Every structure is written in structure tokens, then in C-alpha cells.
Amino acid sequence: MTVKEAFDNMPATFQKDKAAGMNAVYQFNITGEGGGEWNAVITDGELTVNEGTHDSPSITLTVSSQDWLDVLSGKLNGQMAFMSGKLKIAGNMGLAMKLGTIFQLG
């Protein structure tokens, strides 16, 4: 799977019931080969995924393309990626903890 395919597939892994009442913007800055910038806008349980940078993200995650794919596949634990410096987070840390709940990973 490529990074672009992962973001194209994001709506299929979205757990709408777990995001009810949630309003947040996730900005993903994926570095390295096949990387790019995407944002996921969640408005009261509805998800929109866009390529590019959002003007006012609630949280920004920066990670290499390989590490991101490893997190998505379950090979790399997101918390371990953060603790080891592979995943950098700016903004609302609580939203980072919710990623695994609102998106089906692995």
C-alpha cells in the first residue's frame, strides 16, 4: 500500500459511531518517498479527507512514509513511534490518542 492509497482508504476505516459529536482537523505531514500532506476533517461524525494543508488544524502529525504505513498496518505501535521520536505531534494530544479508536488500524 502507498501513502496516497492509505489516505484514499481512510473513509473506509472510519468508525463514524466512535466520532459522534467530534469536531477536529487532523493534519498529516508525511515525509520521504511517496509522502505528502493530507488533512482529515471530522465534523459531528462525518469525515472529509483532503490532499494538502489545512489552515487551522487541531493537531498536526509528522512522520516518515514508511513509519506511517507501519503504524497503519499494525507493525509499529503509534505510542511507541511517538515515544521514540519517529512520530511528531503538535496541538491537541488527546486527539492523537483517539486516532486508533476512530480509525480501524491494522
PDB file of N, CA and C in Angstrom:
ATOM      1  N   MET A   1       0.833  -1.180   0.000  1.00  0.00           N
ATOM      2  CA  MET A   1       0.000   0.000   0.000  1.00  0.00           C
ATOM      3  C   MET A   1       0.879   1.245   0.000  1.00  0.00           C
ATOM      4  N   THR A   2       0.478   2.256  -0.750  1.00  0.00           N
ATOM      5  CA  THR A   2       1.204   3.525  -0.756  1.00  0.00           C
ATOM      6  C   THR A   2       0.547   4.468   0.251  1.00  0.00           C
ATOM      7  N   VAL A   3       1.229   5.565   0.559  1.00  0.00           N
ATOM      8  CA  VAL A   3       0.677   6.560   1.476  1.00  0.00           C
ATOM      9  C   VAL A   3      -0.607   7.140   0.884  1.00  0.00           C
ATOM     10  N   LYS A   4      -0.597   7.443  -0.412  1.00  0.00           N
ATOM     11  CA  LYS A   4      -1.795   8.001  -1.054  1.00  0.00           C
ATOM     12  C   LYS A   4      -2.964   7.022  -0.957  1.00  0.00           C
ATOM     13  N   GLU A   5      -2.711   5.749  -1.206  1.00  0.00           N
ATOM     14  CA  GLU A   5      -3.772   4.730  -1.091  1.00  0.00           C
ATOM     15  C   GLU A   5      -4.306   4.659   0.336  1.00  0.00           C
ATOM     16  N   ALA A   6      -3.412   4.820   1.314  1.00  0.00           N
ATOM     17  CA  ALA A   6      -3.830   4.790   2.718  1.00  0.00           C
ATOM     18  C   ALA A   6      -4.815   5.923   3.009  1.00  0.00           C
ATOM     19  N   PHE A   7      -4.527   7.126   2.478  1.00  0.00           N
ATOM     20  CA  PHE A   7      -5.439   8.251   2.699  1.00  0.00           C
ATOM     21  C   PHE A   7      -6.711   8.107   1.868  1.00  0.00           C
ATOM     22  N   ASP A   8      -6.600   7.552   0.662  1.00  0.00           N
ATOM     23  CA  ASP A   8      -7.793   7.288  -0.149  1.00  0.00           C
ATOM     24  C   ASP A   8      -8.712   6.291   0.555  1.00  0.00           C
ATOM     25  N   ASN A   9      -8.109   5.367   1.307  1.00  0.00           N
ATOM     26  CA  ASN A   9      -8.846   4.311   2.002  1.00  0.00           C
ATOM     27  C   ASN A   9      -9.353   4.751   3.388  1.00  0.00           C
ATOM     28  N   MET A  10      -8.906   5.908   3.845  1.00  0.00           N
ATOM     29  CA  MET A  10      -9.237   6.364   5.195  1.00  0.00           C
ATOM     30  C   MET A  10     -10.750   6.370   5.483  1.00  0.00           C
ATOM     31  N   PRO A  11     -11.605   6.848   4.575  1.00  0.00           N
ATOM     32  CA  PRO A  11     -13.042   6.834   4.864  1.00  0.00           C
ATOM     33  C   PRO A  11     -13.589   5.425   5.120  1.00  0.00           C
ATOM     34  N   ALA A  12     -13.003   4.415   4.504  1.00  0.00           N
ATOM     35  CA  ALA A  12     -13.475   3.037   4.689  1.00  0.00           C
ATOM     36  C   ALA A  12     -13.128   2.504   6.077  1.00  0.00           C
ATOM     37  N   THR A  13     -12.094   3.074   6.719  1.00  0.00           N
ATOM     38  CA  THR A  13     -11.684   2.619   8.049  1.00  0.00           C
ATOM     39  C   THR A  13     -12.258   3.497   9.157  1.00  0.00           C
ATOM     40  N   PHE A  14     -13.009   4.529   8.776  1.00  0.00           N
ATOM     41  CA  PHE A  14     -13.562   5.489   9.733  1.00  0.00           C
ATOM     42  C   PHE A  14     -14.726   4.872  10.506  1.00  0.00           C
ATOM     43  N   GLN A  15     -14.675   4.972  11.819  1.00  0.00           N
ATOM     44  CA  GLN A  15     -15.723   4.439  12.689  1.00  0.00           C
ATOM     45  C   GLN A  15     -16.631   5.598  13.096  1.00  0.00           C
ATOM     46  N   LYS A  16     -17.618   5.860  12.254  1.00  0.00           N
ATOM     47  CA  LYS A  16     -18.498   7.020  12.413  1.00  0.00           C
ATOM     48  C   LYS A  16     -19.119   7.092  13.813  1.00  0.00           C
ATOM     49  N   ASP A  17     -19.554   5.958  14.348  1.00  0.00           N
ATOM     50  CA  ASP A  17     -20.201   5.953  15.661  1.00  0.00           C
ATOM     51  C   ASP A  17     -19.253   6.390  16.778  1.00  0.00           C
ATOM     52  N   LYS A  18     -17.945   6.129  16.611  1.00  0.00           N
ATOM     53  CA  LYS A  18     -16.960   6.496  17.632  1.00  0.00           C
ATOM     54  C   LYS A  18     -16.597   7.983  17.563  1.00  0.00           C
ATOM     55  N   ALA A  19     -16.988   8.654  16.464  1.00  0.00           N
ATOM     56  CA  ALA A  19     -16.645  10.065  16.278  1.00  0.00           C
ATOM     57  C   ALA A  19     -17.868  10.975  16.385  1.00  0.00           C
ATOM     58  N   ALA A  20     -18.983  10.428  16.860  1.00  0.00           N
ATOM     59  CA  ALA A  20     -20.198  11.233  17.006  1.00  0.00           C
ATOM     60  C   ALA A  20     -19.936  12.417  17.929  1.00  0.00           C
ATOM     61  N   GLY A  21     -20.337  13.593  17.500  1.00  0.00           N
ATOM     62  CA  GLY A  21     -20.163  14.804  18.295  1.00  0.00           C
ATOM     63  C   GLY A  21     -18.760  15.385  18.259  1.00  0.00           C
ATOM     64  N   MET A  22     -17.864  14.749  17.538  1.00  0.00           N
ATOM     65  CA  MET A  22     -16.464  15.185  17.489  1.00  0.00           C
ATOM     66  C   MET A  22     -16.270  16.206  16.367  1.00  0.00           C
ATOM     67  N   ASN A  23     -15.514  17.270  16.657  1.00  0.00           N
ATOM     68  CA  ASN A  23     -15.157  18.265  15.652  1.00  0.00           C
ATOM     69  C   ASN A  23     -13.659  18.504  15.757  1.00  0.00           C
ATOM     70  N   ALA A  24     -12.919  18.059  14.740  1.00  0.00           N
ATOM     71  CA  ALA A  24     -11.460  18.169  14.791  1.00  0.00           C
ATOM     72  C   ALA A  24     -10.885  18.129  13.380  1.00  0.00           C
ATOM     73  N   VAL A  25      -9.704  18.700  13.250  1.00  0.00           N
ATOM     74  CA  VAL A  25      -8.973  18.643  11.982  1.00  0.00           C
ATOM     75  C   VAL A  25      -7.607  18.034  12.254  1.00  0.00           C
ATOM     76  N   TYR A  26      -7.358  16.876  11.628  1.00  0.00           N
ATOM     77  CA  TYR A  26      -6.064  16.205  11.709  1.00  0.00           C
ATOM     78  C   TYR A  26      -5.259  16.603  10.479  1.00  0.00           C
ATOM     79  N   GLN A  27      -4.062  17.129  10.693  1.00  0.00           N
ATOM     80  CA  GLN A  27      -3.147  17.441   9.599  1.00  0.00           C
ATOM     81  C   GLN A  27      -2.044  16.393   9.618  1.00  0.00           C
ATOM     82  N   PHE A  28      -1.839  15.734   8.475  1.00  0.00           N
ATOM     83  CA  PHE A  28      -0.808  14.702   8.359  1.00  0.00           C
ATOM     84  C   PHE A  28       0.274  15.198   7.402  1.00  0.00           C
ATOM     85  N   ASN A  29       1.494  15.337   7.891  1.00  0.00           N
ATOM     86  CA  ASN A  29       2.640  15.710   7.067  1.00  0.00           C
ATOM     87  C   ASN A  29       3.527  14.464   6.986  1.00  0.00           C
ATOM     88  N   ILE A  30       3.490  13.822   5.826  1.00  0.00           N
ATOM     89  CA  ILE A  30       4.207  12.569   5.629  1.00  0.00           C
ATOM     90  C   ILE A  30       5.469  12.865   4.824  1.00  0.00           C
ATOM     91  N   THR A  31       6.619  12.552   5.424  1.00  0.00           N
ATOM     92  CA  THR A  31       7.897  12.883   4.794  1.00  0.00           C
ATOM     93  C   THR A  31       8.458  11.676   4.046  1.00  0.00           C
ATOM     94  N   GLY A  32       9.436  11.938   3.193  1.00  0.00           N
ATOM     95  CA  GLY A  32      10.123  10.856   2.491  1.00  0.00           C
ATOM     96  C   GLY A  32       9.410  10.443   1.216  1.00  0.00           C
ATOM     97  N   GLU A  33       9.887   9.357   0.647  1.00  0.00           N
ATOM     98  CA  GLU A  33       9.389   8.863  -0.633  1.00  0.00           C
ATOM     99  C   GLU A  33       7.900   8.525  -0.551  1.00  0.00           C
ATOM    100  N   GLY A  34       7.128   9.065  -1.490  1.00  0.00           N
ATOM    101  CA  GLY A  34       5.695   8.796  -1.531  1.00  0.00           C
ATOM    102  C   GLY A  34       4.899   9.592  -0.523  1.00  0.00           C
ATOM    103  N   GLY A  35       5.559  10.522   0.167  1.00  0.00           N
ATOM    104  CA  GLY A  35       4.888  11.320   1.185  1.00  0.00           C
ATOM    105  C   GLY A  35       4.071  12.447   0.592  1.00  0.00           C
ATOM    106  N   GLY A  36       3.648  13.333   1.449  1.00  0.00           N
ATOM    107  CA  GLY A  36       2.833  14.464   1.040  1.00  0.00           C
ATOM    108  C   GLY A  36       2.078  14.983   2.244  1.00  0.00           C
ATOM    109  N   GLU A  37       1.097  15.834   1.973  1.00  0.00           N
ATOM    110  CA  GLU A  37       0.309  16.425   3.045  1.00  0.00           C
ATOM    111  C   GLU A  37      -1.159  16.134   2.800  1.00  0.00           C
ATOM    112  N   TRP A  38      -1.832  15.703   3.863  1.00  0.00           N
ATOM    113  CA  TRP A  38      -3.267  15.421   3.811  1.00  0.00           C
ATOM    114  C   TRP A  38      -3.886  15.943   5.094  1.00  0.00           C
ATOM    115  N   ASN A  39      -5.191  16.208   5.049  1.00  0.00           N
ATOM    116  CA  ASN A  39      -5.895  16.539   6.270  1.00  0.00           C
ATOM    117  C   ASN A  39      -7.211  15.790   6.307  1.00  0.00           C
ATOM    118  N   ALA A  40      -7.621  15.469   7.520  1.00  0.00           N
ATOM    119  CA  ALA A  40      -8.878  14.770   7.750  1.00  0.00           C
ATOM    120  C   ALA A  40      -9.730  15.669   8.639  1.00  0.00           C
ATOM    121  N   VAL A  41     -10.878  16.089   8.108  1.00  0.00           N
ATOM    122  CA  VAL A  41     -11.781  16.971   8.838  1.00  0.00           C
ATOM    123  C   VAL A  41     -12.948  16.134   9.346  1.00  0.00           C
ATOM    124  N   ILE A  42     -13.125  16.140  10.652  1.00  0.00           N
ATOM    125  CA  ILE A  42     -14.223  15.397  11.272  1.00  0.00           C
ATOM    126  C   ILE A  42     -15.190  16.418  11.860  1.00  0.00           C
ATOM    127  N   THR A  43     -16.420  16.387  11.368  1.00  0.00           N
ATOM    128  CA  THR A  43     -17.463  17.290  11.845  1.00  0.00           C
ATOM    129  C   THR A  43     -18.664  16.464  12.253  1.00  0.00           C
ATOM    130  N   ASP A  44     -18.882  16.357  13.551  1.00  0.00           N
ATOM    131  CA  ASP A  44     -20.007  15.618  14.128  1.00  0.00           C
ATOM    132  C   ASP A  44     -20.185  14.236  13.498  1.00  0.00           C
ATOM    133  N   GLY A  45     -19.099  13.477  13.469  1.00  0.00           N
ATOM    134  CA  GLY A  45     -19.165  12.101  12.991  1.00  0.00           C
ATOM    135  C   GLY A  45     -19.036  11.930  11.487  1.00  0.00           C
ATOM    136  N   GLU A  46     -18.856  13.014  10.751  1.00  0.00           N
ATOM    137  CA  GLU A  46     -18.662  12.936   9.296  1.00  0.00           C
ATOM    138  C   GLU A  46     -17.196  13.228   8.986  1.00  0.00           C
ATOM    139  N   LEU A  47     -16.644  12.485   8.026  1.00  0.00           N
ATOM    140  CA  LEU A  47     -15.226  12.615   7.676  1.00  0.00           C
ATOM    141  C   LEU A  47     -15.051  13.103   6.249  1.00  0.00           C
ATOM    142  N   THR A  48     -14.150  14.059   6.079  1.00  0.00           N
ATOM    143  CA  THR A  48     -13.718  14.501   4.754  1.00  0.00           C
ATOM    144  C   THR A  48     -12.204  14.462   4.749  1.00  0.00           C
ATOM    145  N   VAL A  49     -11.620  13.772   3.769  1.00  0.00           N
ATOM    146  CA  VAL A  49     -10.164  13.692   3.645  1.00  0.00           C
ATOM    147  C   VAL A  49      -9.748  14.504   2.416  1.00  0.00           C
ATOM    148  N   ASN A  50      -8.789  15.397   2.603  1.00  0.00           N
ATOM    149  CA  ASN A  50      -8.321  16.273   1.526  1.00  0.00           C
ATOM    150  C   ASN A  50      -6.807  16.195   1.407  1.00  0.00           C
ATOM    151  N   GLU A  51      -6.330  16.320   0.188  1.00  0.00           N
ATOM    152  CA  GLU A  51      -4.888  16.425  -0.007  1.00  0.00           C
ATOM    153  C   GLU A  51      -4.514  17.880   0.227  1.00  0.00           C
ATOM    154  N   GLY A  52      -3.372  18.116   0.875  1.00  0.00           N
ATOM    155  CA  GLY A  52      -2.909  19.472   1.114  1.00  0.00           C
ATOM    156  C   GLY A  52      -2.913  19.834   2.588  1.00  0.00           C
ATOM    157  N   THR A  53      -2.659  21.115   2.852  1.00  0.00           N
ATOM    158  CA  THR A  53      -2.538  21.622   4.209  1.00  0.00           C
ATOM    159  C   THR A  53      -3.802  22.372   4.601  1.00  0.00           C
ATOM    160  N   HIS A  54      -4.304  22.100   5.788  1.00  0.00           N
ATOM    161  CA  HIS A  54      -5.475  22.802   6.316  1.00  0.00           C
ATOM    162  C   HIS A  54      -5.000  24.079   7.015  1.00  0.00           C
ATOM    163  N   ASP A  55      -5.804  25.141   6.935  1.00  0.00           N
ATOM    164  CA  ASP A  55      -5.427  26.431   7.529  1.00  0.00           C
ATOM    165  C   ASP A  55      -5.360  26.403   9.050  1.00  0.00           C
ATOM    166  N   SER A  56      -6.235  25.627   9.698  1.00  0.00           N
ATOM    167  CA  SER A  56      -6.254  25.643  11.163  1.00  0.00           C
ATOM    168  C   SER A  56      -6.496  24.247  11.734  1.00  0.00           C
ATOM    169  N   PRO A  57      -5.458  23.392  11.662  1.00  0.00           N
ATOM    170  CA  PRO A  57      -5.609  22.040  12.201  1.00  0.00           C
ATOM    171  C   PRO A  57      -5.686  22.028  13.729  1.00  0.00           C
ATOM    172  N   SER A  58      -6.399  21.059  14.269  1.00  0.00           N
ATOM    173  CA  SER A  58      -6.467  20.860  15.720  1.00  0.00           C
ATOM    174  C   SER A  58      -5.211  20.145  16.198  1.00  0.00           C
ATOM    175  N   ILE A  59      -4.648  19.309  15.313  1.00  0.00           N
ATOM    176  CA  ILE A  59      -3.455  18.532  15.618  1.00  0.00           C
ATOM    177  C   ILE A  59      -2.684  18.306  14.318  1.00  0.00           C
ATOM    178  N   THR A  60      -1.367  18.321  14.411  1.00  0.00           N
ATOM    179  CA  THR A  60      -0.518  18.045  13.255  1.00  0.00           C
ATOM    180  C   THR A  60       0.392  16.877  13.602  1.00  0.00           C
ATOM    181  N   LEU A  61       0.375  15.857  12.743  1.00  0.00           N
ATOM    182  CA  LEU A  61       1.235  14.688  12.920  1.00  0.00           C
ATOM    183  C   LEU A  61       2.251  14.673  11.785  1.00  0.00           C
ATOM    184  N   THR A  62       3.521  14.549  12.124  1.00  0.00           N
ATOM    185  CA  THR A  62       4.601  14.481  11.145  1.00  0.00           C
ATOM    186  C   THR A  62       5.327  13.160  11.336  1.00  0.00           C
ATOM    187  N   VAL A  63       5.435  12.398  10.242  1.00  0.00           N
ATOM    188  CA  VAL A  63       6.027  11.063  10.311  1.00  0.00           C
ATOM    189  C   VAL A  63       6.532  10.681   8.922  1.00  0.00           C
ATOM    190  N   SER A  64       7.518   9.806   8.852  1.00  0.00           N
ATOM    191  CA  SER A  64       8.023   9.348   7.554  1.00  0.00           C
ATOM    192  C   SER A  64       6.997   8.415   6.907  1.00  0.00           C
ATOM    193  N   SER A  65       7.056   8.314   5.608  1.00  0.00           N
ATOM    194  CA  SER A  65       6.093   7.481   4.882  1.00  0.00           C
ATOM    195  C   SER A  65       6.155   6.023   5.337  1.00  0.00           C
ATOM    196  N   GLN A  66       7.351   5.473   5.528  1.00  0.00           N
ATOM    197  CA  GLN A  66       7.462   4.064   5.939  1.00  0.00           C
ATOM    198  C   GLN A  66       6.917   3.853   7.345  1.00  0.00           C
ATOM    199  N   ASP A  67       7.243   4.769   8.262  1.00  0.00           N
ATOM    200  CA  ASP A  67       6.736   4.632   9.633  1.00  0.00           C
ATOM    201  C   ASP A  67       5.217   4.767   9.670  1.00  0.00           C
ATOM    202  N   TRP A  68       4.654   5.658   8.847  1.00  0.00           N
ATOM    203  CA  TRP A  68       3.196   5.830   8.805  1.00  0.00           C
ATOM    204  C   TRP A  68       2.519   4.543   8.312  1.00  0.00           C
ATOM    205  N   LEU A  69       3.063   3.962   7.265  1.00  0.00           N
ATOM    206  CA  LEU A  69       2.488   2.717   6.750  1.00  0.00           C
ATOM    207  C   LEU A  69       2.625   1.597   7.776  1.00  0.00           C
ATOM    208  N   ASP A  70       3.734   1.590   8.521  1.00  0.00           N
ATOM    209  CA  ASP A  70       3.922   0.579   9.569  1.00  0.00           C
ATOM    210  C   ASP A  70       2.916   0.757  10.704  1.00  0.00           C
ATOM    211  N   VAL A  71       2.601   2.007  11.052  1.00  0.00           N
ATOM    212  CA  VAL A  71       1.595   2.256  12.085  1.00  0.00           C
ATOM    213  C   VAL A  71       0.227   1.771  11.593  1.00  0.00           C
ATOM    214  N   LEU A  72      -0.101   2.099  10.359  1.00  0.00           N
ATOM    215  CA  LEU A  72      -1.404   1.714   9.811  1.00  0.00           C
ATOM    216  C   LEU A  72      -1.566   0.198   9.719  1.00  0.00           C
ATOM    217  N   SER A  73      -0.486  -0.496   9.413  1.00  0.00           N
ATOM    218  CA  SER A  73      -0.561  -1.956   9.260  1.00  0.00           C
ATOM    219  C   SER A  73      -0.486  -2.689  10.597  1.00  0.00           C
ATOM    220  N   GLY A  74      -0.137  -1.945  11.655  1.00  0.00           N
ATOM    221  CA  GLY A  74      -0.020  -2.573  12.964  1.00  0.00           C
ATOM    222  C   GLY A  74       1.392  -3.055  13.286  1.00  0.00           C
ATOM    223  N   LYS A  75       2.342  -2.872  12.358  1.00  0.00           N
ATOM    224  CA  LYS A  75       3.732  -3.279  12.605  1.00  0.00           C
ATOM    225  C   LYS A  75       4.404  -2.376  13.635  1.00  0.00           C
ATOM    226  N   LEU A  76       3.952  -1.113  13.701  1.00  0.00           N
ATOM    227  CA  LEU A  76       4.538  -0.132  14.614  1.00  0.00           C
ATOM    228  C   LEU A  76       3.423   0.472  15.447  1.00  0.00           C
ATOM    229  N   ASN A  77       3.569   0.411  16.757  1.00  0.00           N
ATOM    230  CA  ASN A  77       2.594   0.994  17.669  1.00  0.00           C
ATOM    231  C   ASN A  77       2.736   2.518  17.628  1.00  0.00           C
ATOM    232  N   GLY A  78       1.614   3.223  17.484  1.00  0.00           N
ATOM    233  CA  GLY A  78       1.640   4.676  17.394  1.00  0.00           C
ATOM    234  C   GLY A  78       2.269   5.346  18.595  1.00  0.00           C
ATOM    235  N   GLN A  79       1.983   4.844  19.799  1.00  0.00           N
ATOM    236  CA  GLN A  79       2.571   5.429  21.002  1.00  0.00           C
ATOM    237  C   GLN A  79       4.074   5.201  21.029  1.00  0.00           C
ATOM    238  N   MET A  80       4.504   4.025  20.601  1.00  0.00           N
ATOM    239  CA  MET A  80       5.942   3.747  20.560  1.00  0.00           C
ATOM    240  C   MET A  80       6.631   4.635  19.518  1.00  0.00           C
ATOM    241  N   ALA A  81       5.951   4.850  18.399  1.00  0.00           N
ATOM    242  CA  ALA A  81       6.508   5.725  17.361  1.00  0.00           C
ATOM    243  C   ALA A  81       6.695   7.133  17.912  1.00  0.00           C
ATOM    244  N   PHE A  82       5.730   7.599  18.699  1.00  0.00           N
ATOM    245  CA  PHE A  82       5.828   8.929  19.305  1.00  0.00           C
ATOM    246  C   PHE A  82       6.956   8.967  20.336  1.00  0.00           C
ATOM    247  N   MET A  83       6.996   7.976  21.215  1.00  0.00           N
ATOM    248  CA  MET A  83       7.998   7.946  22.285  1.00  0.00           C
ATOM    249  C   MET A  83       9.420   7.855  21.734  1.00  0.00           C
ATOM    250  N   SER A  84       9.581   7.198  20.596  1.00  0.00           N
ATOM    251  CA  SER A  84      10.923   7.040  20.028  1.00  0.00           C
ATOM    252  C   SER A  84      11.285   8.181  19.070  1.00  0.00           C
ATOM    253  N   GLY A  85      10.374   9.162  18.917  1.00  0.00           N
ATOM    254  CA  GLY A  85      10.663  10.321  18.073  1.00  0.00           C
ATOM    255  C   GLY A  85      10.372  10.127  16.601  1.00  0.00           C
ATOM    256  N   LYS A  86       9.831   8.972  16.215  1.00  0.00           N
ATOM    257  CA  LYS A  86       9.511   8.732  14.805  1.00  0.00           C
ATOM    258  C   LYS A  86       8.253   9.496  14.387  1.00  0.00           C
ATOM    259  N   LEU A  87       7.377   9.736  15.349  1.00  0.00           N
ATOM    260  CA  LEU A  87       6.125  10.457  15.116  1.00  0.00           C
ATOM    261  C   LEU A  87       6.155  11.724  15.947  1.00  0.00           C
ATOM    262  N   LYS A  88       6.005  12.874  15.280  1.00  0.00           N
ATOM    263  CA  LYS A  88       5.999  14.149  15.981  1.00  0.00           C
ATOM    264  C   LYS A  88       4.569  14.688  15.968  1.00  0.00           C
ATOM    265  N   ILE A  89       4.135  15.196  17.120  1.00  0.00           N
ATOM    266  CA  ILE A  89       2.765  15.669  17.265  1.00  0.00           C
ATOM    267  C   ILE A  89       2.784  17.094  17.799  1.00  0.00           C
ATOM    268  N   ALA A  90       1.997  17.965  17.163  1.00  0.00           N
ATOM    269  CA  ALA A  90       1.816  19.338  17.637  1.00  0.00           C
ATOM    270  C   ALA A  90       0.317  19.589  17.745  1.00  0.00           C
ATOM    271  N   GLY A  91      -0.089  20.221  18.842  1.00  0.00           N
ATOM    272  CA  GLY A  91      -1.506  20.519  19.010  1.00  0.00           C
ATOM    273  C   GLY A  91      -2.139  19.642  20.076  1.00  0.00           C
ATOM    274  N   ASN A  92      -3.390  19.309  19.893  1.00  0.00           N
ATOM    275  CA  ASN A  92      -4.200  18.591  20.882  1.00  0.00           C
ATOM    276  C   ASN A  92      -3.785  17.121  20.981  1.00  0.00           C
ATOM    277  N   MET A  93      -3.031  16.801  22.025  1.00  0.00           N
ATOM    278  CA  MET A  93      -2.529  15.428  22.204  1.00  0.00           C
ATOM    279  C   MET A  93      -3.666  14.425  22.405  1.00  0.00           C
ATOM    280  N   GLY A  94      -4.762  14.865  22.994  1.00  0.00           N
ATOM    281  CA  GLY A  94      -5.910  13.982  23.205  1.00  0.00           C
ATOM    282  C   GLY A  94      -6.435  13.427  21.897  1.00  0.00           C
ATOM    283  N   LEU A  95      -6.351  14.217  20.840  1.00  0.00           N
ATOM    284  CA  LEU A  95      -6.814  13.759  19.526  1.00  0.00           C
ATOM    285  C   LEU A  95      -5.917  12.653  18.984  1.00  0.00           C
ATOM    286  N   ALA A  96      -4.633  12.702  19.310  1.00  0.00           N
ATOM    287  CA  ALA A  96      -3.720  11.653  18.865  1.00  0.00           C
ATOM    288  C   ALA A  96      -4.128  10.317  19.482  1.00  0.00           C
ATOM    289  N   MET A  97      -4.547  10.359  20.751  1.00  0.00           N
ATOM    290  CA  MET A  97      -4.954   9.139  21.445  1.00  0.00           C
ATOM    291  C   MET A  97      -6.232   8.555  20.832  1.00  0.00           C
ATOM    292  N   LYS A  98      -7.054   9.401  20.231  1.00  0.00           N
ATOM    293  CA  LYS A  98      -8.328   8.938  19.656  1.00  0.00           C
ATOM    294  C   LYS A  98      -8.173   8.314  18.267  1.00  0.00           C
ATOM    295  N   LEU A  99      -7.023   8.519  17.627  1.00  0.00           N
ATOM    296  CA  LEU A  99      -6.842   8.018  16.257  1.00  0.00           C
ATOM    297  C   LEU A  99      -7.153   6.532  16.132  1.00  0.00           C
ATOM    298  N   GLY A 100      -6.625   5.751  17.048  1.00  0.00           N
ATOM    299  CA  GLY A 100      -6.824   4.304  16.999  1.00  0.00           C
ATOM    300  C   GLY A 100      -8.261   3.882  17.258  1.00  0.00           C
ATOM    301  N   THR A 101      -9.030   4.771  17.883  1.00  0.00           N
ATOM    302  CA  THR A 101     -10.438   4.473  18.166  1.00  0.00           C
ATOM    303  C   THR A 101     -11.335   4.827  16.988  1.00  0.00           C
ATOM    304  N   ILE A 102     -11.072   5.998  16.388  1.00  0.00           N
ATOM    305  CA  ILE A 102     -11.967   6.440  15.306  1.00  0.00           C
ATOM    306  C   ILE A 102     -11.603   5.858  13.940  1.00  0.00           C
ATOM    307  N   PHE A 103     -10.386   5.337  13.829  1.00  0.00           N
ATOM    308  CA  PHE A 103      -9.994   4.661  12.585  1.00  0.00           C
ATOM    309  C   PHE A 103      -9.592   3.241  12.926  1.00  0.00           C
ATOM    310  N   GLN A 104     -10.039   2.312  12.138  1.00  0.00           N
ATOM    311  CA  GLN A 104      -9.694   0.907  12.353  1.00  0.00           C
ATOM    312  C   GLN A 104      -8.295   0.676  11.797  1.00  0.00           C
ATOM    313  N   LEU A 105      -7.332   0.443  12.675  1.00  0.00           N
ATOM    314  CA  LEU A 105      -5.949   0.235  12.249  1.00  0.00           C
ATOM    315  C   LEU A 105      -5.604  -1.245  12.262  1.00  0.00           C
ATOM    316  N   GLY A 106      -4.612  -1.597  11.460  1.00  0.00           N
ATOM    317  CA  GLY A 106      -4.102  -2.972  11.473  1.00  0.00           C
ATOM    318  C   GLY A 106      -4.789  -3.905  10.535  1.00  0.00           C
TER     319      GLY A 106
END
